[in-house]
Amino acid sequence: MRILICLVAILLTTWTQAKPPNVLLIMADDMGYSDLGCYGGEIETPHLDGLAKNGLRFTQFYNTARCWPSRAALLTGYYAQQVRRDTLPGIKRGNRPSWAHLLPVMLKPAGYRSYHSGKWHIDGLPLAAGFDRSYYINNHGFFRLKFHYLDDKRQPATPISPKFYVTDAIADHAVDTLKEHAKEHAGKPFFHYLAFTAPHFPLHALPKDIKRYRARYLQGWDKIREARWQKQKKLGLVDGELSKVEREVGPHRHFPDAYKILGPGEVRYPVPWDTLTKEQQAFQADKMAVHAAMIDSMDRAIGRVLDQLRRMKVFEDTLILFLSDNGASAEVMVRGDGHDLKAPLGSAYTYLCLGAGWSTTCNTPFRMHKTWVHEGGACTPLVAHWPKGIEGHGELRRTPGHVIDVVPTILELAGAEASKKGQLVPTAPGKSLVPVFAENNTIEREYLWWSHDGNRAVRVQDWKLVAAKDKPWELFDLAKDRAETRDLSMQFPLKVKKLEKLWLAKENEFIKTATGKGVREKK
């Protein structure tokens, strides 16, 4: 009996003394499902592929299909419509409700220090929202900074320079902050939110990186898409059929003047590659080369941050999550410093967007693009790596997940709770992913829900009801048809009505949560 009591005491002591993990949360901007090598792409991403090889890849991980709603959901654990009024129809912009804290506030009682490097796109400023250090980038361009904030203080604009690149600046801040943590706060766990602006437009990359990819994409988007699909099947990522290219679907907003500025090489729709002129093929291939170079550069920057974790001897006990805020973008526009037809493509004085042709390829095997809530807009990679907490190496996790799940996952591992401060707080909709870190189980949930810019969807188990703006509902069985190729709405009209009723009920609930007023009846 005495031996048993001693063993129990030892186990309890070990459990109570176990340190919660550090967390490195990395977010890419406008990166498609198949862009990483470990998700089927030909872009060189050895550092992220290495995390996947020694960790997990989620095959059905969702976002909100747009950057700022995804970031709101990522750091609050709520649907954006619950915490950002401007995501709702007819509702003006407003700050988050007082109960909608960001993750650092929830982690602070557990002893965490929280850091942010990169894009923000959330209301307020990072330190005011609970971060201890921050480098906040708000920029349209990669070779200079017009708007950037260090610890919530506006910094002077930087000049355009070939020696400066935003992706590297974001990683530099992350490395420096981690060094500071190791020197001054080594006894505390950290949460670091590393938010890259790549590969969001404008497509800017260093000339040496573009050069490495320039010839690769001359074969065109149709052949690259087929190659990615074949690789995805070998990797076991997706079953079913490859979706057909929707040749008539272009950017969700059309800016005619942009095509005049960009010249005859730009095209609006993902037409067959062999129907393009030689000039168009060369222009489009160069655009994709810049996109690839941006992702390649981001991967190398991530590698530098991982090396810093190794130098600190905390790599083994740091949960690393990598994801994207939405799928690749079909947009074509000219903003910022404009577009100089005489400047080398991808340089500071050009303004390129990926466009529908390459966006279709980057979102392989799915349909649609950023902003749409079909799989192409709302389903992107999630890589999870944690040597001390995840035993699986190179394994796939097929349970659906969502950015609303990140907060409860981290809170569970940190031994922390959502901050309530005695207020009436709505139940957060996310689920912890911790159970599937161990094995490929299904996380039970009532629904997943989307609404953005008139595009809408709801998923219950494997049934997904989805519609583009001003279009009728489509119904898909994702267990048999992940790429949404066979609309079953005519075959199962009662299922459509049931799921539509749920979608409307949740929209009305979220309007009430965010504003305290108003419901919208079924039309």
Protein backbone atom coordinates (compact mmCIF):
# COMPACT_ATOMS: atom_id res chain seq x y z
CA MET A 1 0.00 0.00 0.00
CA ARG A 2 2.82 2.38 0.91
CA ILE A 3 4.47 1.70 -2.48
CA LEU A 4 1.18 2.41 -4.27
CA ILE A 5 0.72 5.68 -2.40
CA CYS A 6 4.27 6.72 -3.30
CA LEU A 7 3.70 5.94 -6.95
CA VAL A 8 0.49 7.97 -7.00
CA ALA A 9 2.26 10.87 -5.29
CA ILE A 10 5.07 10.78 -7.85
CA LEU A 11 2.58 10.74 -10.72
CA LEU A 12 0.61 13.63 -9.27
CA THR A 13 3.77 15.64 -8.66
CA THR A 14 4.94 14.99 -12.23
CA TRP A 15 1.57 16.06 -13.63
CA THR A 16 1.31 19.25 -11.58
CA GLN A 17 4.87 20.24 -12.41
CA ALA A 18 4.50 19.59 -16.14
CA LYS A 19 5.09 22.82 -18.02
CA PRO A 20 2.52 23.87 -20.61
CA PRO A 21 3.98 24.09 -24.12
CA ASN A 22 5.11 27.18 -25.89
CA VAL A 23 2.97 27.97 -28.93
CA LEU A 24 4.08 29.32 -32.30
CA LEU A 25 1.04 30.13 -34.44
CA ILE A 26 2.04 30.88 -38.05
CA MET A 27 -0.43 32.28 -40.56
CA ALA A 28 0.11 32.78 -44.29
CA ASP A 29 -1.96 35.26 -46.29
CA ASP A 30 -3.93 34.14 -49.38
CA MET A 31 -2.13 30.80 -49.76
CA GLY A 32 -3.97 28.00 -51.57
CA TYR A 33 -4.60 24.43 -50.43
CA SER A 34 -2.01 22.89 -52.76
CA ASP A 35 0.77 25.49 -52.60
CA LEU A 36 2.96 23.70 -50.05
CA GLY A 37 4.99 20.72 -51.18
CA CYS A 38 3.42 18.57 -48.47
CA TYR A 39 -0.04 19.42 -49.84
CA GLY A 40 0.76 18.60 -53.47
CA GLY A 41 2.62 21.66 -54.74
CA GLU A 42 5.88 22.01 -56.63
CA ILE A 43 7.00 25.11 -54.67
CA GLU A 44 10.05 24.42 -52.51
CA THR A 45 8.93 24.54 -48.87
CA PRO A 46 11.38 22.25 -47.04
CA HIS A 47 10.89 23.73 -43.57
CA LEU A 48 7.11 23.44 -43.58
CA ASP A 49 7.34 20.04 -45.29
CA GLY A 50 9.68 18.99 -42.49
CA LEU A 51 7.15 20.02 -39.85
CA ALA A 52 4.52 17.96 -41.69
CA LYS A 53 6.85 14.97 -42.01
CA ASN A 54 7.40 14.96 -38.26
CA GLY A 55 3.90 16.04 -37.33
CA LEU A 56 0.35 16.12 -38.67
CA ARG A 57 -1.49 17.48 -41.70
CA PHE A 58 -5.20 18.22 -41.48
CA THR A 59 -7.03 17.57 -44.74
CA GLN A 60 -10.28 19.41 -43.88
CA PHE A 61 -9.29 22.54 -42.03
CA TYR A 62 -11.41 25.61 -42.62
CA ASN A 63 -11.21 29.37 -42.36
CA THR A 64 -13.77 32.09 -43.11
CA ALA A 65 -12.59 32.63 -46.74
CA ARG A 66 -11.36 36.17 -46.05
CA CYS A 67 -8.43 37.63 -44.14
CA TRP A 68 -9.95 39.84 -41.43
CA PRO A 69 -12.85 37.55 -40.44
CA SER A 70 -10.41 34.62 -40.21
CA ARG A 71 -8.10 36.59 -37.93
CA ALA A 72 -10.96 37.67 -35.69
CA ALA A 73 -12.09 34.05 -35.36
CA LEU A 74 -8.53 32.78 -34.92
CA LEU A 75 -7.74 34.93 -31.89
CA THR A 76 -11.17 35.05 -30.19
CA GLY A 77 -12.49 31.52 -30.76
CA TYR A 78 -15.80 32.92 -32.06
CA TYR A 79 -17.22 33.24 -35.54
CA ALA A 80 -16.35 36.66 -36.88
CA GLN A 81 -20.05 37.47 -37.14
CA GLN A 82 -20.28 37.16 -33.35
CA VAL A 83 -17.46 39.59 -32.64
CA ARG A 84 -17.17 41.90 -35.68
CA ARG A 85 -20.26 43.84 -36.61
CA ASP A 86 -19.03 44.69 -40.10
CA THR A 87 -19.23 41.02 -41.11
CA LEU A 88 -23.02 41.14 -40.84
CA PRO A 89 -25.45 42.38 -43.52
CA GLY A 90 -26.31 46.04 -43.13
CA ILE A 91 -24.33 46.47 -39.91
CA LYS A 92 -21.76 49.25 -39.62
CA ARG A 93 -18.25 48.66 -38.38
CA GLY A 94 -17.71 48.50 -34.65
CA ASN A 95 -15.23 47.26 -32.11
CA ARG A 96 -15.40 43.82 -30.59
CA PRO A 97 -17.83 43.38 -27.71
CA SER A 98 -16.16 43.83 -24.32
CA TRP A 99 -16.36 40.09 -23.64
CA ALA A 100 -14.58 39.12 -26.89
CA HIS A 101 -11.01 39.03 -25.61
CA LEU A 102 -8.10 37.95 -27.75
CA LEU A 103 -6.12 34.86 -26.84
CA PRO A 104 -3.26 36.65 -24.99
CA VAL A 105 -5.71 37.94 -22.38
CA MET A 106 -6.89 34.39 -21.77
CA LEU A 107 -3.32 33.05 -21.57
CA LYS A 108 -1.95 35.66 -19.18
CA PRO A 109 -3.38 34.03 -15.99
CA ALA A 110 -1.55 30.83 -16.99
CA GLY A 111 1.76 32.71 -16.98
CA TYR A 112 2.20 33.15 -20.73
CA ARG A 113 3.93 36.03 -22.41
CA SER A 114 2.44 36.81 -25.82
CA TYR A 115 4.16 38.17 -28.91
CA HIS A 116 3.02 39.26 -32.36
CA SER A 117 5.01 39.75 -35.55
CA GLY A 118 3.44 40.74 -38.88
CA LYS A 119 -0.03 41.42 -40.20
CA TRP A 120 -2.75 42.45 -37.78
CA HIS A 121 -6.08 43.30 -39.50
CA ILE A 122 -8.00 43.13 -36.22
CA ASP A 123 -9.66 46.08 -34.51
CA GLY A 124 -7.52 47.94 -31.99
CA LEU A 125 -3.78 47.57 -31.44
CA PRO A 126 -1.87 44.45 -30.33
CA LEU A 127 -0.50 45.58 -26.95
CA ALA A 128 -3.87 47.06 -26.05
CA ALA A 129 -5.34 43.62 -26.86
CA GLY A 130 -3.00 41.77 -24.48
CA PHE A 131 0.24 41.16 -26.39
CA ASP A 132 3.50 41.96 -24.59
CA ARG A 133 5.49 42.80 -27.73
CA SER A 134 4.36 43.48 -31.28
CA TYR A 135 5.55 44.50 -34.72
CA TYR A 136 2.41 45.38 -36.66
CA ILE A 137 2.60 45.57 -40.46
CA ASN A 138 -0.19 47.26 -42.42
CA ASN A 139 1.17 47.47 -45.91
CA HIS A 140 0.60 47.26 -49.67
CA GLY A 141 4.03 46.24 -50.85
CA PHE A 142 7.06 44.24 -49.80
CA PHE A 143 10.05 46.49 -50.48
CA ARG A 144 9.17 49.30 -48.10
CA LEU A 145 6.90 50.04 -45.16
CA LYS A 146 4.46 52.92 -45.18
CA PHE A 147 2.48 51.85 -42.13
CA HIS A 148 4.09 49.87 -39.35
CA TYR A 149 3.90 49.96 -35.57
CA LEU A 150 6.40 48.78 -32.97
CA ASP A 151 4.69 48.03 -29.66
CA ASP A 152 1.64 50.05 -30.78
CA LYS A 153 3.73 53.09 -31.73
CA ARG A 154 3.71 54.32 -35.34
CA GLN A 155 7.12 54.10 -37.01
CA PRO A 156 8.51 56.32 -39.80
CA ALA A 157 7.98 55.08 -43.35
CA THR A 158 10.96 53.34 -44.89
CA PRO A 159 12.29 54.08 -48.41
CA ILE A 160 12.01 51.53 -51.20
CA SER A 161 15.13 49.41 -51.09
CA PRO A 162 16.23 46.15 -52.77
CA LYS A 163 17.92 45.28 -49.46
CA PHE A 164 14.61 45.33 -47.57
CA TYR A 165 11.87 42.70 -47.81
CA VAL A 166 8.81 42.60 -45.54
CA THR A 167 8.82 38.82 -45.09
CA ASP A 168 12.36 39.00 -43.74
CA ALA A 169 11.50 41.96 -41.50
CA ILE A 170 8.64 40.00 -39.92
CA ALA A 171 10.91 37.02 -39.27
CA ASP A 172 13.66 39.31 -37.93
CA HIS A 173 11.28 40.71 -35.33
CA ALA A 174 10.15 37.22 -34.34
CA VAL A 175 13.73 36.03 -33.88
CA ASP A 176 14.71 39.13 -31.89
CA THR A 177 11.65 38.82 -29.66
CA LEU A 178 12.38 35.16 -28.97
CA LYS A 179 15.97 36.03 -28.11
CA GLU A 180 14.68 38.61 -25.65
CA HIS A 181 12.31 36.05 -24.17
CA ALA A 182 15.15 33.56 -23.68
CA LYS A 183 17.26 36.21 -21.96
CA GLU A 184 14.66 37.84 -19.73
CA HIS A 185 11.69 35.45 -19.40
CA ALA A 186 13.07 31.94 -19.89
CA GLY A 187 10.99 30.57 -17.03
CA LYS A 188 7.71 31.51 -18.67
CA PRO A 189 5.92 29.86 -21.61
CA PHE A 190 5.27 32.01 -24.66
CA PHE A 191 2.62 32.37 -27.34
CA HIS A 192 3.95 33.86 -30.56
CA TYR A 193 1.58 34.85 -33.35
CA LEU A 194 3.67 35.04 -36.53
CA ALA A 195 1.49 36.49 -39.28
CA PHE A 196 3.12 36.81 -42.70
CA THR A 197 1.74 39.05 -45.44
CA ALA A 198 2.92 36.61 -48.13
CA PRO A 199 1.75 35.60 -50.67
CA HIS A 200 -0.95 38.30 -50.65
CA PHE A 201 -0.89 40.80 -53.51
CA PRO A 202 0.94 42.81 -54.67
CA LEU A 203 3.11 39.96 -55.86
CA HIS A 204 6.59 41.12 -54.89
CA ALA A 205 9.68 38.96 -54.52
CA LEU A 206 13.44 39.21 -54.68
CA PRO A 207 14.86 38.82 -58.21
CA LYS A 208 17.02 35.82 -57.31
CA ASP A 209 13.99 33.97 -55.97
CA ILE A 210 11.84 34.77 -59.00
CA LYS A 211 14.60 33.58 -61.33
CA ARG A 212 14.55 30.11 -59.78
CA TYR A 213 10.89 29.66 -60.72
CA ARG A 214 10.52 31.66 -63.95
CA ALA A 215 10.79 28.72 -66.40
CA ARG A 216 8.77 26.33 -64.25
CA TYR A 217 5.37 27.81 -65.03
CA LEU A 218 5.66 28.27 -68.76
CA GLN A 219 3.89 24.92 -69.13
CA GLY A 220 0.74 26.66 -67.90
CA TRP A 221 -1.89 26.41 -65.22
CA ASP A 222 -3.73 23.41 -66.67
CA LYS A 223 -0.66 21.13 -66.56
CA ILE A 224 0.47 22.37 -63.15
CA ARG A 225 -3.03 21.78 -61.75
CA GLU A 226 -3.09 18.21 -63.08
CA ALA A 227 0.38 17.53 -61.66
CA ARG A 228 -0.68 18.80 -58.24
CA TRP A 229 -3.79 16.63 -58.35
CA GLN A 230 -1.79 13.51 -59.15
CA LYS A 231 0.61 14.25 -56.29
CA GLN A 232 -2.28 14.86 -53.88
CA LYS A 233 -3.74 11.46 -54.73
CA LYS A 234 -0.38 9.81 -54.03
CA LEU A 235 -0.16 11.64 -50.71
CA GLY A 236 -3.67 10.45 -49.81
CA LEU A 237 -4.88 13.97 -49.12
CA VAL A 238 -8.15 13.92 -51.06
CA ASP A 239 -10.45 11.24 -52.47
CA GLY A 240 -12.97 11.61 -55.26
CA GLU A 241 -12.76 13.64 -58.46
CA LEU A 242 -10.88 16.77 -59.45
CA SER A 243 -13.28 19.67 -59.85
CA LYS A 244 -13.70 21.09 -63.33
CA VAL A 245 -12.15 24.48 -64.04
CA GLU A 246 -14.92 27.08 -63.93
CA ARG A 247 -13.81 29.01 -66.98
CA GLU A 248 -16.51 31.67 -66.57
CA VAL A 249 -15.66 32.57 -62.95
CA GLY A 250 -13.27 35.50 -62.59
CA PRO A 251 -12.50 37.90 -59.74
CA HIS A 252 -15.40 38.52 -57.37
CA ARG A 253 -15.05 42.26 -58.08
CA HIS A 254 -14.19 43.52 -61.54
CA PHE A 255 -11.90 46.54 -62.00
CA PRO A 256 -11.79 47.24 -65.78
CA ASP A 257 -9.16 49.96 -65.44
CA ALA A 258 -6.72 47.48 -63.93
CA TYR A 259 -6.52 45.52 -67.18
CA LYS A 260 -5.74 48.73 -69.08
CA ILE A 261 -2.95 49.56 -66.64
CA LEU A 262 -1.49 46.05 -66.60
CA GLY A 263 -1.52 45.69 -70.38
CA PRO A 264 -2.44 42.88 -72.79
CA GLY A 265 -0.71 40.17 -70.76
CA GLU A 266 -3.41 40.18 -68.08
CA VAL A 267 -6.57 38.07 -68.41
CA ARG A 268 -9.78 37.96 -66.41
CA TYR A 269 -10.80 34.29 -66.61
CA PRO A 270 -9.07 30.88 -66.24
CA VAL A 271 -9.32 30.05 -69.93
CA PRO A 272 -7.42 27.07 -71.39
CA TRP A 273 -3.71 27.86 -71.38
CA ASP A 274 -3.25 27.05 -75.06
CA THR A 275 -5.80 29.74 -75.99
CA LEU A 276 -3.62 32.50 -74.54
CA THR A 277 -1.28 34.53 -76.70
CA LYS A 278 2.47 34.12 -76.22
CA GLU A 279 2.55 37.50 -74.48
CA GLN A 280 -0.21 36.42 -72.10
CA GLN A 281 1.48 33.10 -71.36
CA ALA A 282 4.77 34.81 -70.54
CA PHE A 283 3.05 37.40 -68.30
CA GLN A 284 0.99 34.79 -66.47
CA ALA A 285 3.95 32.43 -65.98
CA ASP A 286 5.96 35.28 -64.48
CA LYS A 287 3.12 36.08 -62.05
CA MET A 288 3.06 32.53 -60.76
CA ALA A 289 6.85 32.55 -60.49
CA VAL A 290 6.59 35.57 -58.17
CA HIS A 291 3.84 33.89 -56.12
CA ALA A 292 6.01 30.79 -55.74
CA ALA A 293 9.05 32.88 -54.82
CA MET A 294 7.04 34.61 -52.07
CA ILE A 295 6.05 31.27 -50.53
CA ASP A 296 9.61 29.95 -50.90
CA SER A 297 10.90 33.07 -49.13
CA MET A 298 8.32 32.71 -46.37
CA ASP A 299 9.37 29.10 -45.82
CA ARG A 300 13.00 30.16 -45.43
CA ALA A 301 11.96 32.89 -43.00
CA ILE A 302 10.05 30.31 -40.97
CA GLY A 303 13.18 28.18 -41.00
CA ARG A 304 15.09 31.00 -39.29
CA VAL A 305 12.46 31.20 -36.56
CA LEU A 306 12.59 27.43 -36.08
CA ASP A 307 16.38 27.62 -35.78
CA GLN A 308 15.97 30.19 -33.03
CA LEU A 309 13.65 27.81 -31.15
CA ARG A 310 16.33 25.13 -31.45
CA ARG A 311 19.02 27.48 -30.13
CA MET A 312 16.75 28.20 -27.16
CA LYS A 313 16.35 24.42 -26.66
CA VAL A 314 12.54 24.77 -26.70
CA PHE A 315 11.81 23.37 -30.17
CA GLU A 316 10.77 20.00 -28.75
CA ASP A 317 8.23 21.52 -26.40
CA THR A 318 6.73 24.13 -28.71
CA LEU A 319 3.42 23.47 -30.44
CA ILE A 320 3.75 24.87 -33.95
CA LEU A 321 0.60 25.43 -35.98
CA PHE A 322 0.77 26.64 -39.59
CA LEU A 323 -2.32 27.70 -41.54
CA SER A 324 -3.63 30.21 -44.11
CA ASP A 325 -6.34 32.81 -43.64
CA ASN A 326 -8.17 31.85 -46.86
CA GLY A 327 -7.63 30.22 -50.22
CA ALA A 328 -5.74 31.74 -53.12
CA SER A 329 -7.23 34.90 -54.60
CA ALA A 330 -8.66 35.46 -58.10
CA GLU A 331 -8.52 39.23 -57.64
CA VAL A 332 -6.99 41.56 -60.23
CA MET A 333 -6.49 45.21 -59.24
CA VAL A 334 -3.87 47.95 -59.05
CA ARG A 335 -3.36 49.83 -55.79
CA GLY A 336 -0.47 51.14 -53.72
CA ASP A 337 2.38 52.61 -55.77
CA GLY A 338 0.77 51.59 -59.05
CA HIS A 339 2.16 49.49 -61.88
CA ASP A 340 5.03 50.50 -64.13
CA LEU A 341 4.91 48.52 -67.38
CA LYS A 342 8.65 49.01 -67.83
CA ALA A 343 9.64 47.68 -64.39
CA PRO A 344 10.58 44.01 -63.96
CA LEU A 345 7.56 41.99 -62.86
CA GLY A 346 7.59 41.38 -59.13
CA SER A 347 9.67 44.47 -58.35
CA ALA A 348 8.64 47.36 -56.12
CA TYR A 349 7.07 49.43 -58.89
CA THR A 350 4.79 46.69 -60.18
CA TYR A 351 1.41 45.65 -58.84
CA LEU A 352 0.43 42.12 -59.74
CA CYS A 353 -2.34 39.86 -58.44
CA LEU A 354 -2.52 36.12 -58.91
CA GLY A 355 -5.78 36.08 -60.91
CA ALA A 356 -8.32 33.33 -61.51
CA GLY A 357 -6.14 31.12 -63.70
CA TRP A 358 -3.43 30.48 -61.14
CA SER A 359 -5.79 30.78 -58.19
CA THR A 360 -7.73 27.82 -59.58
CA THR A 361 -4.46 25.88 -59.67
CA CYS A 362 -3.33 26.94 -56.19
CA ASN A 363 -6.66 25.79 -54.72
CA THR A 364 -6.42 22.34 -56.34
CA PRO A 365 -8.52 20.20 -56.17
CA PHE A 366 -11.25 22.54 -55.00
CA ARG A 367 -13.66 25.01 -56.57
CA MET A 368 -13.71 28.78 -56.31
CA HIS A 369 -11.36 31.22 -54.62
CA LYS A 370 -10.86 33.60 -51.71
CA THR A 371 -14.16 35.23 -50.65
CA TRP A 372 -16.27 32.30 -51.88
CA VAL A 373 -17.07 29.75 -49.16
CA HIS A 374 -16.80 26.74 -51.43
CA GLU A 375 -13.83 24.55 -50.49
CA GLY A 376 -11.40 26.55 -52.64
CA GLY A 377 -12.01 29.71 -50.65
CA ALA A 378 -12.49 28.26 -47.19
CA CYS A 379 -10.32 25.12 -46.91
CA THR A 380 -6.54 25.43 -46.55
CA PRO A 381 -3.68 23.56 -44.85
CA LEU A 382 -3.13 23.07 -41.15
CA VAL A 383 0.21 21.61 -40.12
CA ALA A 384 0.66 20.71 -36.44
CA HIS A 385 4.08 19.87 -34.98
CA TRP A 386 4.97 19.25 -31.32
CA PRO A 387 7.59 16.57 -30.59
CA LYS A 388 6.75 16.26 -26.89
CA GLY A 389 3.00 16.17 -27.45
CA ILE A 390 2.38 14.64 -30.89
CA GLU A 391 3.75 11.17 -31.53
CA GLY A 392 2.47 10.82 -35.10
CA HIS A 393 4.97 11.53 -37.86
CA GLY A 394 3.67 12.38 -41.31
CA GLU A 395 0.12 11.35 -40.42
CA LEU A 396 -3.09 12.83 -41.79
CA ARG A 397 -6.04 14.02 -39.74
CA ARG A 398 -9.32 13.96 -41.63
CA THR A 399 -11.68 15.39 -39.03
CA PRO A 400 -13.05 18.81 -40.04
CA GLY A 401 -11.50 21.68 -38.11
CA HIS A 402 -11.89 25.45 -38.22
CA VAL A 403 -9.99 28.53 -37.09
CA ILE A 404 -12.49 28.84 -34.21
CA ASP A 405 -10.85 25.66 -32.84
CA VAL A 406 -7.42 27.21 -32.32
CA VAL A 407 -8.27 29.12 -29.14
CA PRO A 408 -9.84 26.16 -27.27
CA THR A 409 -6.95 23.94 -28.39
CA ILE A 410 -4.30 26.27 -27.00
CA LEU A 411 -6.28 27.01 -23.85
CA GLU A 412 -6.59 23.30 -23.07
CA LEU A 413 -2.86 22.75 -23.44
CA ALA A 414 -2.07 25.86 -21.40
CA GLY A 415 -4.43 24.86 -18.61
CA ALA A 416 -6.23 28.18 -19.06
CA GLU A 417 -9.84 29.24 -19.46
CA ALA A 418 -11.59 31.83 -21.56
CA SER A 419 -11.72 35.13 -19.68
CA LYS A 420 -15.24 36.04 -18.59
CA LYS A 421 -14.84 38.60 -15.80
CA GLY A 422 -18.31 37.92 -14.47
CA GLN A 423 -20.09 38.96 -17.64
CA LEU A 424 -22.69 37.02 -19.55
CA VAL A 425 -20.59 35.56 -22.37
CA PRO A 426 -21.95 33.48 -25.26
CA THR A 427 -20.68 29.94 -25.52
CA ALA A 428 -17.70 29.79 -27.85
CA PRO A 429 -18.42 27.51 -30.84
CA GLY A 430 -14.95 26.01 -31.33
CA LYS A 431 -13.72 22.56 -30.31
CA SER A 432 -10.31 21.59 -28.99
CA LEU A 433 -8.20 19.67 -31.50
CA VAL A 434 -6.12 18.07 -28.74
CA PRO A 435 -7.94 14.70 -28.92
CA VAL A 436 -6.98 14.24 -32.58
CA PHE A 437 -3.34 15.04 -31.92
CA ALA A 438 -3.15 11.49 -30.58
CA GLU A 439 -5.25 9.61 -33.13
CA ASN A 440 -7.35 10.16 -36.23
CA ASN A 441 -10.74 10.47 -34.55
CA THR A 442 -13.71 12.61 -35.53
CA ILE A 443 -14.46 15.63 -33.38
CA GLU A 444 -18.20 15.75 -32.89
CA ARG A 445 -19.85 19.12 -33.46
CA GLU A 446 -23.30 20.35 -34.39
CA TYR A 447 -22.29 22.41 -37.42
CA LEU A 448 -19.73 24.62 -39.15
CA TRP A 449 -21.05 27.89 -40.57
CA TRP A 450 -19.94 30.51 -43.14
CA SER A 451 -21.16 33.86 -44.40
CA HIS A 452 -19.10 36.39 -46.30
CA ASP A 453 -20.02 39.02 -48.87
CA GLY A 454 -23.23 37.20 -49.79
CA ASN A 455 -21.52 33.80 -50.04
CA ARG A 456 -22.87 31.36 -47.48
CA ALA A 457 -22.55 27.76 -46.31
CA VAL A 458 -23.24 25.37 -43.47
CA ARG A 459 -21.75 21.93 -42.88
CA VAL A 460 -23.32 19.22 -40.72
CA GLN A 461 -21.23 16.05 -40.56
CA ASP A 462 -20.39 15.39 -44.23
CA TRP A 463 -23.27 17.37 -45.73
CA LYS A 464 -22.41 20.87 -46.95
CA LEU A 465 -24.98 23.37 -48.19
CA VAL A 466 -23.24 26.22 -50.03
CA ALA A 467 -24.14 29.09 -52.33
CA ALA A 468 -22.29 31.84 -54.13
CA LYS A 469 -23.68 35.37 -53.88
CA ASP A 470 -27.09 35.68 -55.56
CA LYS A 471 -26.94 32.01 -56.58
CA PRO A 472 -29.15 29.11 -55.41
CA TRP A 473 -28.04 26.63 -52.81
CA GLU A 474 -25.92 23.64 -53.79
CA LEU A 475 -25.72 20.47 -51.70
CA PHE A 476 -22.69 18.18 -51.49
CA ASP A 477 -21.78 14.99 -49.69
CA LEU A 478 -18.16 15.74 -48.84
CA ALA A 479 -17.49 12.17 -47.72
CA LYS A 480 -17.80 11.13 -51.35
CA ASP A 481 -17.18 14.42 -53.12
CA ARG A 482 -14.65 16.69 -51.39
CA ALA A 483 -14.21 18.87 -54.47
CA GLU A 484 -17.93 19.72 -54.71
CA THR A 485 -18.41 18.34 -58.21
CA ARG A 486 -21.91 16.78 -57.88
CA ASP A 487 -24.75 19.03 -56.69
CA LEU A 488 -27.36 16.91 -54.87
CA SER A 489 -29.81 19.69 -54.06
CA MET A 490 -32.49 18.43 -56.48
CA GLN A 491 -32.10 14.88 -55.21
CA PHE A 492 -32.41 15.80 -51.51
CA PRO A 493 -34.71 18.88 -51.26
CA LEU A 494 -35.67 18.18 -47.64
CA LYS A 495 -32.01 18.11 -46.65
CA VAL A 496 -31.58 21.49 -48.35
CA LYS A 497 -34.52 22.98 -46.41
CA LYS A 498 -33.26 21.58 -43.10
CA LEU A 499 -29.74 22.94 -43.58
CA GLU A 500 -31.02 26.28 -44.86
CA LYS A 501 -33.15 26.61 -41.72
CA LEU A 502 -30.07 25.96 -39.59
CA TRP A 503 -28.03 28.51 -41.54
CA LEU A 504 -30.70 31.20 -41.05
CA ALA A 505 -31.09 30.38 -37.37
CA LYS A 506 -27.37 30.81 -36.81
CA GLU A 507 -27.20 34.05 -38.76
CA ASN A 508 -30.02 35.47 -36.63
CA GLU A 509 -28.33 34.22 -33.47
CA PHE A 510 -25.03 35.83 -34.45
CA ILE A 511 -26.70 39.16 -35.30
CA LYS A 512 -28.24 39.16 -31.86
CA THR A 513 -24.91 38.24 -30.24
CA ALA A 514 -23.02 41.04 -31.99
CA THR A 515 -25.66 43.77 -31.81
CA GLY A 516 -28.32 42.70 -29.37
CA LYS A 517 -31.01 43.40 -31.94
CA GLY A 518 -32.56 42.31 -35.18
CA VAL A 519 -33.34 39.03 -36.86
CA ARG A 520 -33.72 38.29 -40.53
CA GLU A 521 -36.54 36.13 -41.73
CA LYS A 522 -36.32 33.60 -44.53
CA LYS A 523 -37.03 35.27 -47.88
